[in-house]
Protein backbone atom coordinates (compact mmCIF):
# COMPACT_ATOMS: atom_id res chain seq x y z
CA MET A 1 61.89 56.37 35.30
CA LYS A 2 59.13 57.79 37.47
CA LYS A 3 60.23 55.70 40.47
CA ALA A 4 63.85 56.75 39.95
CA PHE A 5 62.78 60.39 39.75
CA ILE A 6 60.80 60.11 42.99
CA ALA A 7 63.73 58.39 44.73
CA GLU A 8 66.08 61.10 43.51
CA ARG A 9 63.73 63.84 44.81
CA LEU A 10 63.43 62.11 48.16
CA CYS A 11 67.20 61.76 48.38
CA HIS A 12 67.63 65.42 47.52
CA ALA A 13 65.01 66.42 50.11
CA GLY A 14 66.77 64.33 52.76
CA THR A 15 70.11 65.93 51.93
CA SER A 16 68.58 69.42 52.06
CA ALA A 17 67.00 68.69 55.45
CA LEU A 18 70.35 67.41 56.72
CA ASN A 19 72.15 70.51 55.44
CA LEU A 20 69.47 72.72 56.98
CA ARG A 21 69.94 71.03 60.35
CA ARG A 22 73.72 71.50 60.05
CA HIS A 23 73.34 75.17 59.19
CA LEU A 24 70.91 75.69 62.06
CA PHE A 25 73.31 73.97 64.44
CA ILE A 26 76.24 76.16 63.24
CA LEU A 27 74.09 79.29 63.52
CA LEU A 28 73.03 78.32 67.04
CA PHE A 29 76.68 77.69 67.98
CA VAL A 30 77.76 81.07 66.61
CA LEU A 31 74.92 82.91 68.35
CA THR A 32 75.72 81.16 71.62
CA GLY A 33 79.36 82.20 71.23
CA LEU A 34 78.35 85.77 70.54
CA CYS A 35 76.08 85.84 73.57
CA PHE A 36 78.83 84.39 75.73
CA SER A 37 81.33 86.96 74.43
CA ALA A 38 78.90 89.79 75.02
CA GLY A 39 78.25 88.58 78.55
CA ALA A 40 81.96 88.24 79.27
CA GLU A 41 82.35 91.92 78.44
CA SER A 42 80.33 92.89 81.50
CA ILE A 43 81.74 93.60 84.95
CA LYS A 44 79.00 91.29 86.21
CA ASN A 45 80.82 88.29 84.78
CA ILE A 46 84.44 88.88 85.78
CA LYS A 47 86.29 87.00 88.49
CA LEU A 48 87.35 90.04 90.51
CA GLU A 49 90.44 88.49 92.08
CA ASP A 50 91.99 88.00 88.60
CA TYR A 51 92.03 91.79 88.18
CA LYS A 52 93.58 92.72 91.54
CA LEU A 53 96.79 94.77 91.58
CA SER A 54 99.53 92.67 93.17
CA ASP A 55 100.55 93.46 96.76
CA GLU A 56 104.14 93.44 95.43
CA ALA A 57 103.61 97.06 94.42
CA THR A 58 103.08 98.36 97.95
CA GLU A 59 105.55 95.92 99.52
CA TYR A 60 108.33 97.34 97.34
CA ALA A 61 107.61 100.89 98.50
CA LEU A 62 107.65 99.91 102.17
CA ARG A 63 110.92 97.99 101.82
CA ASN A 64 112.59 101.00 100.24
CA ASP A 65 111.50 103.69 102.68
CA GLU A 66 112.62 102.89 106.23
CA LYS A 67 112.26 106.55 107.24
CA HIS A 68 108.47 106.64 106.99
CA ALA A 69 107.40 102.98 107.01
CA TYR A 70 106.83 103.05 110.77
CA CYS A 71 104.07 105.67 110.54
CA ILE A 72 102.13 104.09 107.67
CA TYR A 73 99.23 102.23 109.24
CA ALA A 74 97.29 101.43 106.05
CA ASP A 75 99.81 99.61 103.87
CA LYS A 76 97.46 97.71 101.55
CA VAL A 77 95.70 99.02 98.47
CA ASN A 78 92.69 97.13 97.14
CA MET A 79 92.80 98.13 93.48
CA TYR A 80 91.57 96.24 90.44
CA ILE A 81 92.84 96.97 86.91
CA LEU A 82 89.85 96.46 84.62
CA GLY A 83 91.55 96.82 81.24
CA TRP A 84 92.96 99.02 78.49
CA SER A 85 91.65 100.73 75.38
CA LYS A 86 93.53 100.56 72.10
CA ASP A 87 94.21 104.32 72.27
CA GLY A 88 96.01 104.37 75.62
CA LYS A 89 93.31 104.57 78.29
CA ILE A 90 93.33 102.41 81.41
CA ALA A 91 90.41 101.69 83.74
CA PHE A 92 90.61 100.67 87.37
CA VAL A 93 88.44 100.54 90.47
CA GLU A 94 89.46 100.81 94.12
CA ASP A 95 87.94 99.70 97.39
CA ARG A 96 89.12 102.22 100.00
CA VAL A 97 88.63 101.86 103.75
CA ILE A 98 88.11 105.33 105.25
CA ASP A 99 89.50 105.55 108.76
CA GLY A 100 88.19 108.22 111.10
CA ARG A 101 84.88 108.60 109.30
CA GLY A 102 84.48 104.85 108.96
CA GLY A 103 83.05 102.87 106.06
CA ASN A 104 84.27 102.00 102.58
CA ASP A 105 84.31 104.04 99.37
CA LEU A 106 84.38 102.75 95.80
CA TYR A 107 86.31 104.78 93.23
CA PHE A 108 85.94 104.01 89.52
CA ASN A 109 88.48 105.72 87.21
CA ILE A 110 89.46 105.88 83.57
CA ILE A 111 92.73 107.68 82.79
CA ASP A 112 94.11 108.67 79.40
CA LEU A 113 97.77 107.67 79.64
CA VAL A 114 98.66 109.70 76.55
CA THR A 115 97.85 112.92 78.44
CA ASP A 116 97.76 111.52 82.02
CA GLU A 117 94.35 113.13 82.45
CA THR A 118 91.36 111.56 84.20
CA VAL A 119 88.58 111.25 81.65
CA CYS A 120 86.06 109.59 83.96
CA ARG A 121 85.66 109.22 87.73
CA LYS A 122 82.73 107.85 89.71
CA GLU A 123 82.58 107.68 93.51
CA MET A 124 80.28 105.60 95.66
CA ILE A 125 80.82 107.03 99.12
CA ASP A 126 80.26 104.92 102.22
CA TYR A 127 78.70 102.01 100.32
CA TYR A 128 79.38 99.74 103.32
CA ASP A 129 80.36 100.34 106.95
CA PHE A 130 81.79 97.30 108.71
CA ASP A 131 81.80 99.04 112.11
CA LYS A 132 78.03 99.42 112.01
CA ALA A 133 77.25 95.98 110.60
CA GLY A 134 76.40 94.47 114.00
CA GLU A 135 73.84 97.16 114.81
CA THR A 136 70.50 97.85 113.18
CA PHE A 137 72.44 99.52 110.37
CA ILE A 138 71.60 98.11 106.94
CA PRO A 139 74.47 98.64 104.48
CA ALA A 140 73.68 99.79 100.96
CA TYR A 141 75.62 96.78 99.62
CA GLU A 142 76.86 93.55 101.16
CA SER A 143 80.41 93.86 99.84
CA PHE A 144 82.68 95.68 97.39
CA GLU A 145 81.95 93.08 94.72
CA ASP A 146 78.21 93.42 95.32
CA CYS A 147 78.48 97.21 94.97
CA LEU A 148 80.55 96.94 91.79
CA LYS A 149 78.35 94.38 90.09
CA SER A 150 75.07 95.96 91.22
CA ASN A 151 76.16 99.08 89.31
CA ALA A 152 77.59 97.12 86.38
CA GLU A 153 75.22 98.62 83.83
CA GLU A 154 76.58 102.14 84.38
CA PHE A 155 80.22 101.01 84.64
CA ASP A 156 79.88 98.86 81.50
CA ARG A 157 78.51 101.88 79.63
CA LEU A 158 81.48 104.03 80.67
CA LEU A 159 83.96 101.30 79.73
CA LYS A 160 82.36 100.86 76.31
CA GLN A 161 82.16 104.62 75.77
CA ASN A 162 85.93 104.87 76.31
CA GLY A 163 86.84 101.75 74.34
CA ILE A 164 88.03 99.79 77.40
CA ILE A 165 88.29 96.03 76.87
CA LEU A 166 87.82 94.03 80.07
CA LYS A 167 90.94 91.91 80.50
CA PRO A 168 93.18 91.06 83.50
CA ALA A 169 96.43 93.05 83.52
CA LYS A 170 99.68 91.81 85.03
CA PHE A 171 101.82 93.93 87.34
CA GLU A 172 105.50 93.66 86.33
CA LYS A 173 108.67 94.71 88.14
CA MET A 174 111.25 97.03 86.61
CA PRO A 175 112.93 97.24 84.17
CA VAL A 176 110.62 97.21 81.14
CA VAL A 177 112.11 94.89 78.52
CA TRP A 178 110.76 94.43 74.99
CA VAL A 179 111.92 93.59 71.46
CA SER A 180 111.72 96.46 68.96
CA LYS A 181 110.58 96.25 65.33
CA ASP A 182 114.18 95.92 64.17
CA ASN A 183 114.59 92.92 66.51
CA LYS A 184 116.64 94.72 69.14
CA THR A 185 116.11 94.12 72.84
CA GLU A 186 115.29 97.41 74.56
CA GLU A 187 115.24 98.17 78.28
CA VAL A 188 113.78 101.12 80.18
CA THR A 189 113.94 101.91 83.89
CA PHE A 190 112.14 104.62 85.84
CA LYS A 191 113.51 106.69 88.70
CA VAL A 192 112.39 109.63 90.83
CA ASN A 193 114.46 112.79 91.01
CA LYS A 194 113.86 115.40 93.69
CA THR A 195 113.93 118.83 92.08
CA GLY A 196 114.03 120.96 95.24
CA GLU A 197 112.49 121.41 98.64
CA GLY A 198 108.76 121.83 98.82
CA LYS A 199 106.91 124.42 100.86
CA PRO A 200 106.11 123.65 104.53
CA ALA A 201 103.00 121.52 104.90
CA PHE A 202 100.78 120.21 107.63
CA ILE A 203 102.72 119.37 110.80
CA TYR A 204 102.52 115.62 110.15
CA SER A 205 103.28 115.80 106.46
CA GLU A 206 105.91 116.89 103.96
CA THR A 207 105.89 118.29 100.46
CA LEU A 208 107.90 117.15 97.46
CA ASN A 209 109.13 118.66 94.22
CA TYR A 210 109.93 115.72 91.98
CA GLU A 211 109.99 114.25 88.50
CA ILE A 212 109.70 110.69 87.25
CA VAL A 213 112.31 109.99 84.57
CA ALA A 214 112.31 107.14 82.04
CA GLU A 215 115.82 106.07 81.01
CA LYS A 216 116.54 103.83 78.05
CA LYS A 217 119.56 101.56 78.46
CA SER A 218 120.62 102.09 74.85
CA GLY A 219 120.58 105.88 75.40
CA GLY A 220 118.11 108.68 75.97
CA SER A 221 115.70 109.70 78.70
CA LYS A 222 112.48 111.65 79.15
CA ILE A 223 110.32 113.01 81.99
CA VAL A 224 106.99 111.18 82.24
CA LYS A 225 105.60 113.05 85.26
CA SER A 226 106.53 116.00 87.48
CA GLU A 227 104.93 117.85 90.38
CA LYS A 228 105.68 120.72 92.74
CA ASN A 229 104.66 120.97 96.39
CA ARG A 230 103.11 117.51 96.41
CA GLU A 231 101.95 116.79 99.95
CA SER A 232 103.44 113.35 100.38
CA TYR A 233 106.27 111.58 102.19
CA PHE A 234 107.51 109.86 99.05
CA VAL A 235 106.65 108.86 95.50
CA TYR A 236 108.16 105.65 94.10
CA PRO A 237 107.91 104.09 90.64
CA VAL A 238 107.56 100.44 91.72
CA GLY A 239 106.64 98.65 88.49
CA TYR A 240 104.47 98.83 85.41
CA ILE A 241 101.46 97.42 83.57
CA LYS A 242 101.92 96.89 79.83
CA SER A 243 99.20 97.72 77.34
CA PRO A 244 98.30 94.64 75.23
CA TYR A 245 97.55 96.87 72.23
CA GLU A 246 100.53 99.21 71.84
CA ASN A 247 104.06 99.82 73.11
CA ARG A 248 102.87 101.80 76.13
CA VAL A 249 103.04 101.17 79.86
CA ALA A 250 101.27 102.50 82.92
CA VAL A 251 104.06 103.23 85.39
CA VAL A 252 102.77 102.25 88.84
CA LEU A 253 103.59 104.95 91.40
CA ILE A 254 103.18 104.49 95.14
CA ASN A 255 102.95 107.52 97.42
CA ALA A 256 102.41 107.89 101.16
CA SER A 257 100.36 110.76 102.54
CA PHE A 258 99.04 111.77 105.94
CA VAL A 259 95.24 111.40 106.10
CA PHE A 260 93.90 110.77 109.58
CA GLU A 261 96.01 109.76 112.62
CA GLY A 262 98.81 108.54 110.42
CA SER A 263 99.65 107.84 106.80
CA GLU A 264 98.31 105.58 104.08
CA LEU A 265 99.64 104.29 100.79
CA PHE A 266 98.05 105.36 97.52
CA VAL A 267 98.50 104.17 93.94
CA GLU A 268 98.57 106.35 90.84
CA PHE A 269 99.76 105.95 87.25
CA ALA A 270 101.91 107.77 84.72
CA GLY A 271 101.82 106.84 81.04
CA CYS A 272 104.94 106.18 78.98
CA ASN A 273 105.16 105.45 75.25
CA LEU A 274 108.24 103.24 74.98
CA SER A 275 108.80 103.94 71.28
CA VAL A 276 109.10 107.74 71.16
CA GLY A 277 110.48 110.72 73.04
CA PHE A 278 113.90 109.38 74.09
């Protein structure tokens, strides 16, 4: 009996040790996963090119405006959509080449697309100047990516503070198509209406009075953005970026404005809740 008891205790001890090792392994796996997830939530760890706004956005605007396309010398926009919050905010960062002055600027923005208001904006002016790179000039950062990731701690804090989840966002062409809760296919398009002549502007520029209208194919429309005396050659709704958390889109607007010895393209956004307001 004593031998059997000892054998039973040893067997139980061996089983407990095995279970302990299993539990430790599972705990280590979970902690590793949590660490990986936490790391992936930092700008330091993203593959920047996955977040870049497609060149299709600016190409569409140029194809549809023959009147001014000839005078636009900066027709690319280096913008990266960082992600959405669950309450309708979108974050993006832009690498802007500044002609005339020279150098590059970094603009970090978070916009509330419920109100279309900017809730956060950070600028890093002249972080790198390519024209001076061959001289004794030492740039503050080696590249846009270096600048972005060197300041990741501050940008990560702002993203977290506003509930932004880092995730690549896809640029889509019009119209917006989705299936409603009652299993109906809905379709919305966006157009720009001129609402009158703007006031005279700088000799090389124009002003616009306009509104961006969302029209639902099944009936109904609403104005998602309007401006008066906007100093710009044109404003086009060229596509959209869909929120992964709610039935809301960021309408991608391209405008062309005179800045230095010619005009450049710029990107901005207007929010549209697809479920209400029509």
